[in-house]
C-alpha atoms as a PDB file:
ATOM      1  CA  MET A   1      73.804  73.668 121.835  1.00  0.00           C
ATOM      2  CA  ALA A   2      76.043  74.570 118.899  1.00  0.00           C
ATOM      3  CA  ALA A   3      78.789  72.206 120.098  1.00  0.00           C
ATOM      4  CA  ASN A   4      76.816  69.161 118.908  1.00  0.00           C
ATOM      5  CA  ASP A   5      78.591  69.330 115.568  1.00  0.00           C
ATOM      6  CA  PHE A   6      82.045  67.749 115.803  1.00  0.00           C
ATOM      7  CA  ASN A   7      83.923  70.791 114.445  1.00  0.00           C
ATOM      8  CA  ASP A   8      82.011  73.136 116.734  1.00  0.00           C
ATOM      9  CA  ARG A   9      82.828  70.883 119.665  1.00  0.00           C
ATOM     10  CA  ILE A  10      86.531  70.924 118.758  1.00  0.00           C
ATOM     11  CA  ARG A  11      86.449  74.726 118.494  1.00  0.00           C
ATOM     12  CA  PHE A  12      84.632  75.012 121.825  1.00  0.00           C
ATOM     13  CA  GLY A  13      87.296  72.803 123.419  1.00  0.00           C
ATOM     14  CA  SER A  14      90.080  74.884 121.887  1.00  0.00           C
ATOM     15  CA  LEU A  15      88.477  78.088 123.123  1.00  0.00           C
ATOM     16  CA  TYR A  16      88.182  76.574 126.588  1.00  0.00           C
ATOM     17  CA  GLU A  17      91.824  75.509 126.509  1.00  0.00           C
ATOM     18  CA  THR A  18      92.845  79.041 125.525  1.00  0.00           C
ATOM     19  CA  TYR A  19      90.508  81.137 127.686  1.00  0.00           C
ATOM     20  CA  GLY A  20      89.299  78.723 130.381  1.00  0.00           C
ATOM     21  CA  ALA A  21      91.262  80.460 133.131  1.00  0.00           C
ATOM     22  CA  LEU A  22      89.095  83.561 132.584  1.00  0.00           C
ATOM     23  CA  LEU A  23      85.917  81.657 133.517  1.00  0.00           C
ATOM     24  CA  THR A  24      84.422  81.270 136.973  1.00  0.00           C
ATOM     25  CA  LYS A  25      85.080  78.098 138.972  1.00  0.00           C
ATOM     26  CA  LYS A  26      81.479  76.971 138.362  1.00  0.00           C
ATOM     27  CA  GLN A  27      81.839  77.470 134.610  1.00  0.00           C
ATOM     28  CA  GLN A  28      85.172  75.617 134.624  1.00  0.00           C
ATOM     29  CA  GLN A  29      83.692  72.739 136.624  1.00  0.00           C
ATOM     30  CA  CYS A  30      80.784  72.416 134.202  1.00  0.00           C
ATOM     31  CA  LEU A  31      83.074  72.382 131.157  1.00  0.00           C
ATOM     32  CA  GLU A  32      85.472  69.913 132.767  1.00  0.00           C
ATOM     33  CA  LEU A  33      82.574  67.536 133.415  1.00  0.00           C
ATOM     34  CA  TYR A  34      81.204  68.064 129.907  1.00  0.00           C
ATOM     35  CA  PHE A  35      84.440  67.779 127.911  1.00  0.00           C
ATOM     36  CA  CYS A  36      86.952  65.888 130.020  1.00  0.00           C
ATOM     37  CA  GLU A  37      84.647  63.538 131.890  1.00  0.00           C
ATOM     38  CA  ASP A  38      82.188  63.266 128.955  1.00  0.00           C
ATOM     39  CA  CYS A  39      79.238  63.591 131.324  1.00  0.00           C
ATOM     40  CA  SER A  40      75.711  64.099 130.033  1.00  0.00           C
ATOM     41  CA  LEU A  41      73.768  67.234 130.873  1.00  0.00           C
ATOM     42  CA  ALA A  42      71.726  65.206 133.367  1.00  0.00           C
ATOM     43  CA  GLU A  43      74.874  63.886 135.067  1.00  0.00           C
ATOM     44  CA  ILE A  44      76.344  67.392 135.275  1.00  0.00           C
ATOM     45  CA  ALA A  45      73.059  68.705 136.673  1.00  0.00           C
ATOM     46  CA  GLU A  46      73.093  66.064 139.374  1.00  0.00           C
ATOM     47  CA  GLU A  47      76.751  66.741 140.237  1.00  0.00           C
ATOM     48  CA  MET A  48      76.242  70.501 140.396  1.00  0.00           C
ATOM     49  CA  GLN A  49      72.813  70.212 142.040  1.00  0.00           C
ATOM     50  CA  VAL A  50      71.028  72.257 139.403  1.00  0.00           C
ATOM     51  CA  SER A  51      68.516  71.455 136.672  1.00  0.00           C
ATOM     52  CA  ARG A  52      69.465  69.998 133.301  1.00  0.00           C
ATOM     53  CA  GLN A  53      68.152  73.208 131.710  1.00  0.00           C
ATOM     54  CA  ALA A  54      70.457  75.271 133.939  1.00  0.00           C
ATOM     55  CA  VAL A  55      73.440  73.233 132.708  1.00  0.00           C
ATOM     56  CA  HIS A  56      72.337  73.688 129.098  1.00  0.00           C
ATOM     57  CA  ASP A  57      71.958  77.444 129.608  1.00  0.00           C
ATOM     58  CA  LEU A  58      75.323  77.669 131.379  1.00  0.00           C
ATOM     59  CA  LEU A  59      77.089  75.860 128.533  1.00  0.00           C
ATOM     60  CA  LYS A  60      75.432  78.154 125.992  1.00  0.00           C
ATOM     61  CA  ARG A  61      76.463  81.287 127.929  1.00  0.00           C
ATOM     62  CA  VAL A  62      80.008  80.004 128.387  1.00  0.00           C
ATOM     63  CA  GLU A  63      80.270  79.286 124.660  1.00  0.00           C
ATOM     64  CA  GLN A  64      79.176  82.859 123.907  1.00  0.00           C
ATOM     65  CA  THR A  65      81.612  84.206 126.506  1.00  0.00           C
ATOM     66  CA  LEU A  66      84.522  82.242 125.034  1.00  0.00           C
ATOM     67  CA  GLU A  67      83.642  83.413 121.506  1.00  0.00           C
ATOM     68  CA  HIS A  68      83.519  86.985 122.837  1.00  0.00           C
ATOM     69  CA  TYR A  69      86.996  86.617 124.353  1.00  0.00           C
ATOM     70  CA  GLU A  70      88.297  85.257 121.057  1.00  0.00           C
ATOM     71  CA  LYS A  71      86.705  88.123 119.118  1.00  0.00           C
ATOM     72  CA  ILE A  72      88.382  90.668 121.379  1.00  0.00           C
ATOM     73  CA  LEU A  73      91.754  88.984 121.973  1.00  0.00           C
ATOM     74  CA  GLY A  74      92.202  86.697 118.954  1.00  0.00           C
ATOM     75  CA  PHE A  75      94.706  84.324 120.596  1.00  0.00           C
ATOM     76  CA  LEU A  76      93.237  81.177 119.057  1.00  0.00           C
ATOM     77  CA  GLN A  77      93.236  82.675 115.559  1.00  0.00           C
ATOM     78  CA  ARG A  78      96.860  83.767 115.968  1.00  0.00           C
ATOM     79  CA  MET A  79      97.871  80.322 117.232  1.00  0.00           C
ATOM     80  CA  GLU A  80      96.161  78.661 114.265  1.00  0.00           C
ATOM     81  CA  ARG A  81      97.834  81.086 111.835  1.00  0.00           C
ATOM     82  CA  THR A  82     101.226  80.486 113.442  1.00  0.00           C
ATOM     83  CA  ARG A  83     100.719  76.723 113.235  1.00  0.00           C
ATOM     84  CA  ALA A  84      99.755  76.959 109.546  1.00  0.00           C
ATOM     85  CA  LEU A  85     102.767  79.145 108.722  1.00  0.00           C
ATOM     86  CA  THR A  86     105.112  76.856 110.644  1.00  0.00           C
ATOM     87  CA  ASP A  87     103.764  73.818 108.781  1.00  0.00           C
ATOM     88  CA  GLU A  88     104.178  75.606 105.449  1.00  0.00           C
ATOM     89  CA  ALA A  89     107.752  76.632 106.303  1.00  0.00           C
ATOM     90  CA  ALA A  90     108.645  73.055 107.278  1.00  0.00           C
ATOM     91  CA  LEU A  91     107.305  71.710 103.974  1.00  0.00           C
ATOM     92  CA  LEU A  92     109.154  74.377 102.024  1.00  0.00           C
ATOM     93  CA  LEU A  93     112.388  73.612 103.839  1.00  0.00           C
ATOM     94  CA  ASP A  94     112.004  69.901 103.127  1.00  0.00           C
ATOM     95  CA  GLY A  95     111.482  70.620  99.443  1.00  0.00           C
ATOM     96  CA  ALA A  96     114.275  73.190  99.257  1.00  0.00           C
ATOM     97  CA  GLN A  97     116.733  70.775 100.817  1.00  0.00           C
ATOM     98  CA  LYS A  98     115.890  68.165  98.185  1.00  0.00           C
ATOM     99  CA  ASP A  99     116.271  70.375  95.123  1.00  0.00           C
ATOM    100  CA  ASN A 100     118.257  73.364  96.438  1.00  0.00           C
ATOM    101  CA  ASN A 101     115.428  75.774  95.504  1.00  0.00           C
ATOM    102  CA  ASN A 102     116.077  79.437  96.389  1.00  0.00           C
ATOM    103  CA  GLU A 103     112.444  80.408  95.705  1.00  0.00           C
ATOM    104  CA  ARG A 104     111.269  78.098  98.497  1.00  0.00           C
ATOM    105  CA  LEU A 105     113.952  79.413 100.817  1.00  0.00           C
ATOM    106  CA  SER A 106     112.796  82.988 100.091  1.00  0.00           C
ATOM    107  CA  ARG A 107     109.234  82.018 101.017  1.00  0.00           C
ATOM    108  CA  VAL A 108     110.494  80.467 104.277  1.00  0.00           C
ATOM    109  CA  ARG A 109     112.248  83.742 105.048  1.00  0.00           C
ATOM    110  CA  GLU A 110     108.972  85.654 104.412  1.00  0.00           C
ATOM    111  CA  ILE A 111     107.103  83.300 106.735  1.00  0.00           C
ATOM    112  CA  LEU A 112     109.662  83.765 109.503  1.00  0.00           C
ATOM    113  CA  VAL A 113     109.454  87.550 109.157  1.00  0.00           C
ATOM    114  CA  GLU A 114     105.640  87.361 109.361  1.00  0.00           C
ATOM    115  CA  LEU A 115     105.820  85.147 112.453  1.00  0.00           C
ATOM    116  CA  ASN A 116     108.231  87.561 114.137  1.00  0.00           C
ATOM    117  CA  GLU A 117     105.999  90.544 113.336  1.00  0.00           C
ATOM    118  CA  SER A 118     102.893  88.871 114.772  1.00  0.00           C
ATOM    119  CA  ARG A 119     104.365  88.601 118.273  1.00  0.00           C
END
């Protein structure tokens, strides 16, 4: 499964947080056991009364489904962009307050306009 890598696992969790409500109850249960309860594939298989391979396949399909939702809707990408712009604006404001820099304040204004347009 691609989520073995730490960054992939974080992304998978973020996708689940964003789009989890669009999944079936069975898919949600499997991901809750996998991420929140930190159960192994064998433990999930026992809980769901399916084979370990079925759990593996389900997780793989769910990962593809979540990536598909992100490709179509792009909510996670927009949230990450908004977070990055907000962080940049906060740093610029801190610096502008210290040295009364109009260039930094202009950039903050540009960021706020971009954030408003992306709604």
